[in-house]
Amino acid sequence: MKDKVLLEKIQHRFTSMIVGMKELPYEERLRRLGLWTLEERRVRADLIEVYRMSKGLSKVKFDYFFEYATDSRTRGHHLKLKKGRVHLDLRQHFFTE
């Protein structure tokens, strides 16, 4: 958590060094520069990795981390992931959850 805050502060400080951006709020600077927050980049990278795993384009096996939902109540497409039960807070925020 502490590392996330430090990294985000670096991007925050860097964007304020750009000419004409110092007076703008951080979110506006990001929007104008076409940048994402650290959290948005992390979520995007996770989604890309899950896609690569599901298509067999990754060295990591999809079945090791995920399971497709098999119940007939899923709306949309057949590639929905099954959500497991979590007992520990640590596990709740893990990549596969």
Protein backbone atom coordinates (compact mmCIF):
# COMPACT_ATOMS: atom_id res chain seq x y z
CA MET A 1 0.00 0.00 0.00
CA LYS A 2 2.78 2.37 0.95
CA ASP A 3 4.59 1.69 -2.34
CA LYS A 4 1.44 2.46 -4.34
CA VAL A 5 1.11 5.84 -2.66
CA LEU A 6 4.78 6.66 -3.27
CA LEU A 7 4.56 5.74 -6.96
CA GLU A 8 1.38 7.75 -7.41
CA LYS A 9 3.08 10.75 -5.75
CA ILE A 10 5.90 10.54 -8.30
CA GLN A 11 3.43 10.74 -11.18
CA HIS A 12 1.56 13.51 -9.36
CA ARG A 13 4.75 15.55 -8.97
CA PHE A 14 5.94 14.85 -12.52
CA THR A 15 2.70 16.03 -14.11
CA SER A 16 2.84 19.27 -12.14
CA MET A 17 6.32 20.02 -13.59
CA ILE A 18 4.94 20.26 -17.13
CA VAL A 19 4.54 23.83 -18.32
CA GLY A 20 0.98 25.08 -17.90
CA MET A 21 -0.17 22.09 -15.83
CA LYS A 22 0.85 23.14 -12.32
CA GLU A 23 -2.40 24.96 -11.48
CA LEU A 24 -4.68 22.17 -12.74
CA PRO A 25 -6.04 19.43 -10.45
CA TYR A 26 -4.25 16.08 -10.73
CA GLU A 27 -7.16 14.31 -12.45
CA GLU A 28 -7.39 17.07 -15.08
CA ARG A 29 -3.64 16.87 -15.73
CA LEU A 30 -3.94 13.13 -16.26
CA ARG A 31 -6.86 13.59 -18.63
CA ARG A 32 -5.11 16.24 -20.72
CA LEU A 33 -1.88 14.23 -20.89
CA GLY A 34 -3.69 10.99 -21.71
CA LEU A 35 -2.28 9.22 -18.64
CA TRP A 36 -3.86 6.75 -16.25
CA THR A 37 -3.53 6.46 -12.50
CA LEU A 38 -1.38 3.70 -11.09
CA GLU A 39 -4.48 1.74 -10.06
CA GLU A 40 -6.01 1.98 -13.55
CA ARG A 41 -2.77 0.74 -15.12
CA ARG A 42 -2.63 -2.17 -12.69
CA VAL A 43 -6.23 -3.22 -13.42
CA ARG A 44 -5.64 -2.96 -17.17
CA ALA A 45 -2.51 -5.12 -16.95
CA ASP A 46 -4.41 -7.72 -14.90
CA LEU A 47 -7.23 -7.86 -17.45
CA ILE A 48 -4.79 -8.24 -20.32
CA GLU A 49 -3.00 -11.06 -18.51
CA VAL A 50 -6.28 -12.90 -17.79
CA TYR A 51 -7.21 -12.59 -21.48
CA ARG A 52 -3.81 -13.93 -22.54
CA MET A 53 -4.12 -16.82 -20.08
CA SER A 54 -7.63 -17.69 -21.31
CA LYS A 55 -6.46 -17.75 -24.93
CA GLY A 56 -3.36 -19.82 -24.16
CA LEU A 57 -1.00 -16.96 -25.01
CA SER A 58 0.65 -16.92 -21.58
CA LYS A 59 3.01 -19.39 -19.96
CA VAL A 60 0.76 -19.37 -16.89
CA LYS A 61 -2.04 -21.93 -17.11
CA PHE A 62 -5.55 -20.47 -16.91
CA ASP A 63 -6.92 -23.46 -14.98
CA TYR A 64 -4.41 -22.94 -12.20
CA PHE A 65 -6.00 -19.63 -11.16
CA PHE A 66 -9.48 -19.48 -12.68
CA GLU A 67 -12.56 -21.52 -13.41
CA TYR A 68 -15.37 -20.74 -15.84
CA ALA A 69 -18.88 -20.36 -14.40
CA THR A 70 -20.91 -23.40 -15.38
CA ASP A 71 -24.36 -22.46 -14.12
CA SER A 72 -26.95 -21.64 -16.74
CA ARG A 73 -27.89 -18.34 -15.09
CA THR A 74 -25.01 -16.42 -16.63
CA ARG A 75 -26.22 -13.72 -18.95
CA GLY A 76 -24.18 -12.69 -21.96
CA HIS A 77 -21.46 -15.03 -23.10
CA HIS A 78 -20.15 -18.39 -21.92
CA LEU A 79 -16.73 -17.13 -20.76
CA LYS A 80 -17.76 -15.77 -17.37
CA LEU A 81 -15.42 -16.54 -14.50
CA LYS A 82 -16.60 -18.25 -11.35
CA LYS A 83 -16.22 -16.15 -8.23
CA GLY A 84 -14.84 -18.14 -5.33
CA ARG A 85 -15.43 -17.66 -1.63
CA VAL A 86 -12.74 -15.82 0.28
CA HIS A 87 -12.03 -16.14 4.00
CA LEU A 88 -8.96 -13.95 4.38
CA ASP A 89 -8.75 -10.24 3.60
CA LEU A 90 -5.33 -10.84 2.01
CA ARG A 91 -6.82 -13.31 -0.45
CA GLN A 92 -9.76 -10.99 -1.22
CA HIS A 93 -7.45 -8.44 -2.84
CA PHE A 94 -5.35 -11.00 -4.71
CA PHE A 95 -5.05 -10.95 -8.50
CA THR A 96 -7.38 -13.90 -9.14
CA GLU A 97 -10.18 -12.56 -6.96
